[in-house]
Each structure stands twice: as C-alpha cells, then as structure tokens.
Amino acid sequence: MPTITVRFFAAARDAFGARETRLSAGTVDDLVDTLAEAADEQATTVLSRSSFLVNSVAATDRGAALSEGDTVDVLPPFAGG
C-alpha cells in the first residue's frame, strides 16, 4: 500500500493531537479505518463527520485508489457565519 501524508485541520487536529501524520492506506476508506482503529471516541466522531481532500481535490469516491506521496486532508465541519 502507498504511504501518504494525512493533514488534520481544526477539530480533527485537536482530536488526533497532531497537524499531520504519515501512514499506509490504499483508499480514503482504508485511511479512515486505519485512523479509527487507534482513535478515541472523540476522534472517531470527528472522522465520521469529516470530508476529505486528496491532493486538494474533494474525495467524492472514497474507494478510489491512493498513490504513493498523496496528501489527504481531514476537514471536519467548520462553524462560522
């Protein structure tokens, strides 16, 4: 499986306690599963509500293959108005 960079924003950064990490994942769904395995309840909740960007493009097909060196952004819902 390819090694990718995962960047966390806002509540995801708080929940995972990091700005970014590197891990192996074949798809965004694989990535979510991998992150959820080691996550606490708060982080799992954030993941379930987040959207994802792959190389700055919305991941509309979370089953699409990731490639070595891709960057996936975890974007929780943002408050504001």
PDB file of N, CA and C in Angstrom:
ATOM      1  N   MET A   1       0.843  -1.184   0.000  1.00  0.00           N
ATOM      2  CA  MET A   1       0.000   0.000   0.000  1.00  0.00           C
ATOM      3  C   MET A   1       0.888   1.247   0.000  1.00  0.00           C
ATOM      4  N   PRO A   2       0.417   2.294  -0.632  1.00  0.00           N
ATOM      5  CA  PRO A   2       1.202   3.526  -0.691  1.00  0.00           C
ATOM      6  C   PRO A   2       1.262   4.232   0.661  1.00  0.00           C
ATOM      7  N   THR A   3       2.344   4.949   0.874  1.00  0.00           N
ATOM      8  CA  THR A   3       2.472   5.794   2.060  1.00  0.00           C
ATOM      9  C   THR A   3       1.998   7.186   1.690  1.00  0.00           C
ATOM     10  N   ILE A   4       1.096   7.717   2.502  1.00  0.00           N
ATOM     11  CA  ILE A   4       0.503   9.024   2.235  1.00  0.00           C
ATOM     12  C   ILE A   4       0.692   9.934   3.442  1.00  0.00           C
ATOM     13  N   THR A   5       0.545  11.224   3.213  1.00  0.00           N
ATOM     14  CA  THR A   5       0.556  12.213   4.284  1.00  0.00           C
ATOM     15  C   THR A   5      -0.883  12.573   4.602  1.00  0.00           C
ATOM     16  N   VAL A   6      -1.222  12.562   5.869  1.00  0.00           N
ATOM     17  CA  VAL A   6      -2.563  12.945   6.323  1.00  0.00           C
ATOM     18  C   VAL A   6      -2.417  14.231   7.125  1.00  0.00           C
ATOM     19  N   ARG A   7      -3.152  15.255   6.713  1.00  0.00           N
ATOM     20  CA  ARG A   7      -3.129  16.531   7.434  1.00  0.00           C
ATOM     21  C   ARG A   7      -4.475  16.727   8.123  1.00  0.00           C
ATOM     22  N   PHE A   8      -4.409  17.113   9.395  1.00  0.00           N
ATOM     23  CA  PHE A   8      -5.607  17.321  10.203  1.00  0.00           C
ATOM     24  C   PHE A   8      -5.844  18.809  10.399  1.00  0.00           C
ATOM     25  N   PHE A   9      -7.107  19.224  10.284  1.00  0.00           N
ATOM     26  CA  PHE A   9      -7.477  20.620  10.445  1.00  0.00           C
ATOM     27  C   PHE A   9      -8.517  20.767  11.552  1.00  0.00           C
ATOM     28  N   ALA A  10      -8.473  21.923  12.229  1.00  0.00           N
ATOM     29  CA  ALA A  10      -9.457  22.336  13.233  1.00  0.00           C
ATOM     30  C   ALA A  10      -9.713  21.233  14.266  1.00  0.00           C
ATOM     31  N   ALA A  11     -10.960  20.796  14.409  1.00  0.00           N
ATOM     32  CA  ALA A  11     -11.316  19.801  15.421  1.00  0.00           C
ATOM     33  C   ALA A  11     -10.596  18.475  15.194  1.00  0.00           C
ATOM     34  N   ALA A  12     -10.284  18.141  13.960  1.00  0.00           N
ATOM     35  CA  ALA A  12      -9.539  16.903  13.693  1.00  0.00           C
ATOM     36  C   ALA A  12      -8.132  17.011  14.278  1.00  0.00           C
ATOM     37  N   ARG A  13      -7.514  18.177  14.146  1.00  0.00           N
ATOM     38  CA  ARG A  13      -6.180  18.392  14.729  1.00  0.00           C
ATOM     39  C   ARG A  13      -6.249  18.226  16.247  1.00  0.00           C
ATOM     40  N   ASP A  14      -7.261  18.799  16.856  1.00  0.00           N
ATOM     41  CA  ASP A  14      -7.428  18.673  18.306  1.00  0.00           C
ATOM     42  C   ASP A  14      -7.672  17.216  18.714  1.00  0.00           C
ATOM     43  N   ALA A  15      -8.522  16.525  17.986  1.00  0.00           N
ATOM     44  CA  ALA A  15      -8.889  15.155  18.335  1.00  0.00           C
ATOM     45  C   ALA A  15      -7.717  14.182  18.180  1.00  0.00           C
ATOM     46  N   PHE A  16      -6.895  14.399  17.157  1.00  0.00           N
ATOM     47  CA  PHE A  16      -5.780  13.482  16.910  1.00  0.00           C
ATOM     48  C   PHE A  16      -4.466  13.980  17.520  1.00  0.00           C
ATOM     49  N   GLY A  17      -4.459  15.216  18.012  1.00  0.00           N
ATOM     50  CA  GLY A  17      -3.281  15.745  18.672  1.00  0.00           C
ATOM     51  C   GLY A  17      -2.080  15.921  17.764  1.00  0.00           C
ATOM     52  N   ALA A  18      -2.342  16.146  16.485  1.00  0.00           N
ATOM     53  CA  ALA A  18      -1.241  16.315  15.523  1.00  0.00           C
ATOM     54  C   ALA A  18      -1.722  17.146  14.350  1.00  0.00           C
ATOM     55  N   ARG A  19      -0.772  17.801  13.702  1.00  0.00           N
ATOM     56  CA  ARG A  19      -1.090  18.530  12.467  1.00  0.00           C
ATOM     57  C   ARG A  19      -1.082  17.598  11.270  1.00  0.00           C
ATOM     58  N   GLU A  20      -0.179  16.592  11.317  1.00  0.00           N
ATOM     59  CA  GLU A  20      -0.119  15.627  10.225  1.00  0.00           C
ATOM     60  C   GLU A  20       0.561  14.356  10.679  1.00  0.00           C
ATOM     61  N   THR A  21       0.364  13.325   9.882  1.00  0.00           N
ATOM     62  CA  THR A  21       0.997  12.034  10.102  1.00  0.00           C
ATOM     63  C   THR A  21       1.190  11.369   8.755  1.00  0.00           C
ATOM     64  N   ARG A  22       1.990  10.341   8.727  1.00  0.00           N
ATOM     65  CA  ARG A  22       2.184   9.555   7.506  1.00  0.00           C
ATOM     66  C   ARG A  22       1.780   8.124   7.825  1.00  0.00           C
ATOM     67  N   LEU A  23       1.065   7.505   6.901  1.00  0.00           N
ATOM     68  CA  LEU A  23       0.671   6.114   7.069  1.00  0.00           C
ATOM     69  C   LEU A  23       0.387   5.483   5.729  1.00  0.00           C
ATOM     70  N   SER A  24       0.184   4.180   5.751  1.00  0.00           N
ATOM     71  CA  SER A  24      -0.118   3.441   4.520  1.00  0.00           C
ATOM     72  C   SER A  24      -1.616   3.225   4.420  1.00  0.00           C
ATOM     73  N   ALA A  25      -2.175   3.519   3.256  1.00  0.00           N
ATOM     74  CA  ALA A  25      -3.596   3.301   3.000  1.00  0.00           C
ATOM     75  C   ALA A  25      -3.808   3.219   1.500  1.00  0.00           C
ATOM     76  N   GLY A  26      -4.670   2.313   1.084  1.00  0.00           N
ATOM     77  CA  GLY A  26      -4.941   2.140  -0.339  1.00  0.00           C
ATOM     78  C   GLY A  26      -6.025   3.056  -0.866  1.00  0.00           C
ATOM     79  N   THR A  27      -6.968   3.435   0.027  1.00  0.00           N
ATOM     80  CA  THR A  27      -8.083   4.307  -0.339  1.00  0.00           C
ATOM     81  C   THR A  27      -8.387   5.224   0.841  1.00  0.00           C
ATOM     82  N   VAL A  28      -9.235   6.213   0.625  1.00  0.00           N
ATOM     83  CA  VAL A  28      -9.668   7.066   1.737  1.00  0.00           C
ATOM     84  C   VAL A  28     -10.423   6.221   2.764  1.00  0.00           C
ATOM     85  N   ASP A  29     -11.245   5.293   2.310  1.00  0.00           N
ATOM     86  CA  ASP A  29     -11.943   4.416   3.257  1.00  0.00           C
ATOM     87  C   ASP A  29     -10.952   3.630   4.108  1.00  0.00           C
ATOM     88  N   ASP A  30      -9.877   3.109   3.500  1.00  0.00           N
ATOM     89  CA  ASP A  30      -8.831   2.419   4.257  1.00  0.00           C
ATOM     90  C   ASP A  30      -8.205   3.360   5.283  1.00  0.00           C
ATOM     91  N   LEU A  31      -7.956   4.580   4.857  1.00  0.00           N
ATOM     92  CA  LEU A  31      -7.366   5.583   5.734  1.00  0.00           C
ATOM     93  C   LEU A  31      -8.254   5.815   6.949  1.00  0.00           C
ATOM     94  N   VAL A  32      -9.538   6.015   6.723  1.00  0.00           N
ATOM     95  CA  VAL A  32     -10.484   6.254   7.817  1.00  0.00           C
ATOM     96  C   VAL A  32     -10.491   5.061   8.768  1.00  0.00           C
ATOM     97  N   ASP A  33     -10.514   3.844   8.214  1.00  0.00           N
ATOM     98  CA  ASP A  33     -10.499   2.643   9.053  1.00  0.00           C
ATOM     99  C   ASP A  33      -9.230   2.574   9.898  1.00  0.00           C
ATOM    100  N   THR A  34      -8.088   2.865   9.288  1.00  0.00           N
ATOM    101  CA  THR A  34      -6.806   2.825   9.998  1.00  0.00           C
ATOM    102  C   THR A  34      -6.768   3.859  11.114  1.00  0.00           C
ATOM    103  N   LEU A  35      -7.208   5.067  10.813  1.00  0.00           N
ATOM    104  CA  LEU A  35      -7.222   6.117  11.832  1.00  0.00           C
ATOM    105  C   LEU A  35      -8.190   5.773  12.967  1.00  0.00           C
ATOM    106  N   ALA A  36      -9.341   5.209  12.632  1.00  0.00           N
ATOM    107  CA  ALA A  36     -10.363   4.896  13.636  1.00  0.00           C
ATOM    108  C   ALA A  36      -9.918   3.776  14.571  1.00  0.00           C
ATOM    109  N   GLU A  37      -9.092   2.849  14.070  1.00  0.00           N
ATOM    110  CA  GLU A  37      -8.641   1.728  14.897  1.00  0.00           C
ATOM    111  C   GLU A  37      -7.927   2.192  16.158  1.00  0.00           C
ATOM    112  N   ALA A  38      -7.132   3.229  16.050  1.00  0.00           N
ATOM    113  CA  ALA A  38      -6.339   3.697  17.193  1.00  0.00           C
ATOM    114  C   ALA A  38      -6.935   4.946  17.851  1.00  0.00           C
ATOM    115  N   ALA A  39      -8.098   5.378  17.396  1.00  0.00           N
ATOM    116  CA  ALA A  39      -8.669   6.642  17.853  1.00  0.00           C
ATOM    117  C   ALA A  39      -9.575   6.453  19.066  1.00  0.00           C
ATOM    118  N   ASP A  40      -9.676   7.531  19.835  1.00  0.00           N
ATOM    119  CA  ASP A  40     -10.642   7.533  20.924  1.00  0.00           C
ATOM    120  C   ASP A  40     -12.017   7.928  20.369  1.00  0.00           C
ATOM    121  N   GLU A  41     -12.989   7.980  21.244  1.00  0.00           N
ATOM    122  CA  GLU A  41     -14.369   8.265  20.814  1.00  0.00           C
ATOM    123  C   GLU A  41     -14.494   9.625  20.146  1.00  0.00           C
ATOM    124  N   GLN A  42     -13.830  10.643  20.703  1.00  0.00           N
ATOM    125  CA  GLN A  42     -13.904  11.990  20.126  1.00  0.00           C
ATOM    126  C   GLN A  42     -13.338  11.987  18.701  1.00  0.00           C
ATOM    127  N   ALA A  43     -12.200  11.378  18.498  1.00  0.00           N
ATOM    128  CA  ALA A  43     -11.580  11.350  17.176  1.00  0.00           C
ATOM    129  C   ALA A  43     -12.425  10.561  16.186  1.00  0.00           C
ATOM    130  N   THR A  44     -13.012   9.476  16.636  1.00  0.00           N
ATOM    131  CA  THR A  44     -13.881   8.677  15.759  1.00  0.00           C
ATOM    132  C   THR A  44     -15.098   9.483  15.331  1.00  0.00           C
ATOM    133  N   THR A  45     -15.654  10.254  16.245  1.00  0.00           N
ATOM    134  CA  THR A  45     -16.797  11.115  15.916  1.00  0.00           C
ATOM    135  C   THR A  45     -16.389  12.165  14.889  1.00  0.00           C
ATOM    136  N   VAL A  46     -15.231  12.778  15.092  1.00  0.00           N
ATOM    137  CA  VAL A  46     -14.748  13.787  14.140  1.00  0.00           C
ATOM    138  C   VAL A  46     -14.580  13.155  12.760  1.00  0.00           C
ATOM    139  N   LEU A  47     -13.987  11.969  12.689  1.00  0.00           N
ATOM    140  CA  LEU A  47     -13.812  11.291  11.392  1.00  0.00           C
ATOM    141  C   LEU A  47     -15.139  11.049  10.695  1.00  0.00           C
ATOM    142  N   SER A  48     -16.143  10.627  11.469  1.00  0.00           N
ATOM    143  CA  SER A  48     -17.442  10.305  10.868  1.00  0.00           C
ATOM    144  C   SER A  48     -18.139  11.522  10.279  1.00  0.00           C
ATOM    145  N   ARG A  49     -17.750  12.713  10.720  1.00  0.00           N
ATOM    146  CA  ARG A  49     -18.391  13.949  10.251  1.00  0.00           C
ATOM    147  C   ARG A  49     -17.530  14.729   9.264  1.00  0.00           C
ATOM    148  N   SER A  50     -16.337  14.236   9.006  1.00  0.00           N
ATOM    149  CA  SER A  50     -15.377  14.984   8.190  1.00  0.00           C
ATOM    150  C   SER A  50     -15.540  14.718   6.701  1.00  0.00           C
ATOM    151  N   SER A  51     -15.050  15.672   5.933  1.00  0.00           N
ATOM    152  CA  SER A  51     -14.880  15.463   4.493  1.00  0.00           C
ATOM    153  C   SER A  51     -13.381  15.360   4.251  1.00  0.00           C
ATOM    154  N   PHE A  52     -13.022  14.887   3.068  1.00  0.00           N
ATOM    155  CA  PHE A  52     -11.626  14.596   2.777  1.00  0.00           C
ATOM    156  C   PHE A  52     -11.243  15.168   1.421  1.00  0.00           C
ATOM    157  N   LEU A  53     -10.038  15.702   1.361  1.00  0.00           N
ATOM    158  CA  LEU A  53      -9.460  16.171   0.103  1.00  0.00           C
ATOM    159  C   LEU A  53      -8.249  15.306  -0.194  1.00  0.00           C
ATOM    160  N   VAL A  54      -8.123  14.879  -1.440  1.00  0.00           N
ATOM    161  CA  VAL A  54      -6.930  14.157  -1.886  1.00  0.00           C
ATOM    162  C   VAL A  54      -6.199  15.076  -2.845  1.00  0.00           C
ATOM    163  N   ASN A  55      -5.013  15.482  -2.441  1.00  0.00           N
ATOM    164  CA  ASN A  55      -4.223  16.427  -3.243  1.00  0.00           C
ATOM    165  C   ASN A  55      -5.047  17.664  -3.600  1.00  0.00           C
ATOM    166  N   SER A  56      -5.756  18.189  -2.602  1.00  0.00           N
ATOM    167  CA  SER A  56      -6.564  19.413  -2.693  1.00  0.00           C
ATOM    168  C   SER A  56      -7.844  19.287  -3.509  1.00  0.00           C
ATOM    169  N   VAL A  57      -8.249  18.053  -3.834  1.00  0.00           N
ATOM    170  CA  VAL A  57      -9.482  17.813  -4.592  1.00  0.00           C
ATOM    171  C   VAL A  57     -10.425  16.978  -3.723  1.00  0.00           C
ATOM    172  N   ALA A  58     -11.699  17.387  -3.663  1.00  0.00           N
ATOM    173  CA  ALA A  58     -12.676  16.666  -2.845  1.00  0.00           C
ATOM    174  C   ALA A  58     -12.707  15.187  -3.212  1.00  0.00           C
ATOM    175  N   ALA A  59     -12.657  14.351  -2.182  1.00  0.00           N
ATOM    176  CA  ALA A  59     -12.689  12.895  -2.380  1.00  0.00           C
ATOM    177  C   ALA A  59     -14.136  12.445  -2.456  1.00  0.00           C
ATOM    178  N   THR A  60     -14.715  12.522  -3.643  1.00  0.00           N
ATOM    179  CA  THR A  60     -16.113  12.127  -3.815  1.00  0.00           C
ATOM    180  C   THR A  60     -16.263  10.613  -3.897  1.00  0.00           C
ATOM    181  N   ASP A  61     -15.207   9.906  -4.300  1.00  0.00           N
ATOM    182  CA  ASP A  61     -15.190   8.441  -4.328  1.00  0.00           C
ATOM    183  C   ASP A  61     -14.155   7.973  -3.320  1.00  0.00           C
ATOM    184  N   ARG A  62     -14.613   7.674  -2.112  1.00  0.00           N
ATOM    185  CA  ARG A  62     -13.692   7.304  -1.046  1.00  0.00           C
ATOM    186  C   ARG A  62     -13.076   5.929  -1.263  1.00  0.00           C
ATOM    187  N   GLY A  63     -13.515   5.216  -2.285  1.00  0.00           N
ATOM    188  CA  GLY A  63     -12.935   3.918  -2.627  1.00  0.00           C
ATOM    189  C   GLY A  63     -11.894   4.006  -3.721  1.00  0.00           C
ATOM    190  N   ALA A  64     -11.653   5.206  -4.245  1.00  0.00           N
ATOM    191  CA  ALA A  64     -10.649   5.378  -5.308  1.00  0.00           C
ATOM    192  C   ALA A  64      -9.246   5.161  -4.739  1.00  0.00           C
ATOM    193  N   ALA A  65      -8.374   4.606  -5.559  1.00  0.00           N
ATOM    194  CA  ALA A  65      -7.014   4.277  -5.128  1.00  0.00           C
ATOM    195  C   ALA A  65      -6.196   5.526  -4.827  1.00  0.00           C
ATOM    196  N   LEU A  66      -5.448   5.454  -3.729  1.00  0.00           N
ATOM    197  CA  LEU A  66      -4.467   6.487  -3.401  1.00  0.00           C
ATOM    198  C   LEU A  66      -3.125   6.068  -3.982  1.00  0.00           C
ATOM    199  N   SER A  67      -2.266   7.048  -4.224  1.00  0.00           N
ATOM    200  CA  SER A  67      -0.946   6.784  -4.784  1.00  0.00           C
ATOM    201  C   SER A  67       0.136   7.216  -3.808  1.00  0.00           C
ATOM    202  N   GLU A  68       1.306   6.608  -3.951  1.00  0.00           N
ATOM    203  CA  GLU A  68       2.455   6.967  -3.124  1.00  0.00           C
ATOM    204  C   GLU A  68       2.660   8.481  -3.166  1.00  0.00           C
ATOM    205  N   GLY A  69       2.801   9.086  -1.972  1.00  0.00           N
ATOM    206  CA  GLY A  69       3.059  10.515  -1.883  1.00  0.00           C
ATOM    207  C   GLY A  69       1.832  11.403  -1.876  1.00  0.00           C
ATOM    208  N   ASP A  70       0.630  10.831  -2.022  1.00  0.00           N
ATOM    209  CA  ASP A  70      -0.585  11.647  -1.961  1.00  0.00           C
ATOM    210  C   ASP A  70      -0.707  12.313  -0.588  1.00  0.00           C
ATOM    211  N   THR A  71      -1.450  13.408  -0.562  1.00  0.00           N
ATOM    212  CA  THR A  71      -1.781  14.098   0.677  1.00  0.00           C
ATOM    213  C   THR A  71      -3.286  14.091   0.836  1.00  0.00           C
ATOM    214  N   VAL A  72      -3.748  13.637   1.993  1.00  0.00           N
ATOM    215  CA  VAL A  72      -5.176  13.623   2.298  1.00  0.00           C
ATOM    216  C   VAL A  72      -5.422  14.584   3.458  1.00  0.00           C
ATOM    217  N   ASP A  73      -6.307  15.542   3.245  1.00  0.00           N
ATOM    218  CA  ASP A  73      -6.696  16.494   4.277  1.00  0.00           C
ATOM    219  C   ASP A  73      -7.986  16.021   4.932  1.00  0.00           C
ATOM    220  N   VAL A  74      -8.005  16.028   6.261  1.00  0.00           N
ATOM    221  CA  VAL A  74      -9.199  15.675   7.035  1.00  0.00           C
ATOM    222  C   VAL A  74      -9.828  16.992   7.489  1.00  0.00           C
ATOM    223  N   LEU A  75     -11.018  17.269   6.958  1.00  0.00           N
ATOM    224  CA  LEU A  75     -11.696  18.547   7.210  1.00  0.00           C
ATOM    225  C   LEU A  75     -13.012  18.319   7.959  1.00  0.00           C
ATOM    226  N   PRO A  76     -13.033  18.586   9.256  1.00  0.00           N
ATOM    227  CA  PRO A  76     -14.289  18.487   9.984  1.00  0.00           C
ATOM    228  C   PRO A  76     -15.195  19.651   9.595  1.00  0.00           C
ATOM    229  N   PRO A  77     -16.481  19.558   9.945  1.00  0.00           N
ATOM    230  CA  PRO A  77     -17.352  20.700   9.663  1.00  0.00           C
ATOM    231  C   PRO A  77     -16.833  21.940  10.379  1.00  0.00           C
ATOM    232  N   PHE A  78     -16.881  23.053   9.694  1.00  0.00           N
ATOM    233  CA  PHE A  78     -16.412  24.318  10.265  1.00  0.00           C
ATOM    234  C   PHE A  78     -17.607  25.151  10.686  1.00  0.00           C
ATOM    235  N   ALA A  79     -17.498  25.800  11.837  1.00  0.00           N
ATOM    236  CA  ALA A  79     -18.535  26.720  12.292  1.00  0.00           C
ATOM    237  C   ALA A  79     -18.204  28.106  11.781  1.00  0.00           C
ATOM    238  N   GLY A  80     -19.191  28.912  11.665  1.00  0.00           N
ATOM    239  CA  GLY A  80     -18.952  30.292  11.234  1.00  0.00           C
ATOM    240  C   GLY A  80     -20.194  30.860  10.598  1.00  0.00           C
ATOM    241  N   GLY A  81     -20.079  32.065  10.162  1.00  0.00           N
ATOM    242  CA  GLY A  81     -21.268  32.619   9.577  1.00  0.00           C
ATOM    243  C   GLY A  81     -21.080  33.917   8.945  1.00  0.00           C
TER     244      GLY A  81
END
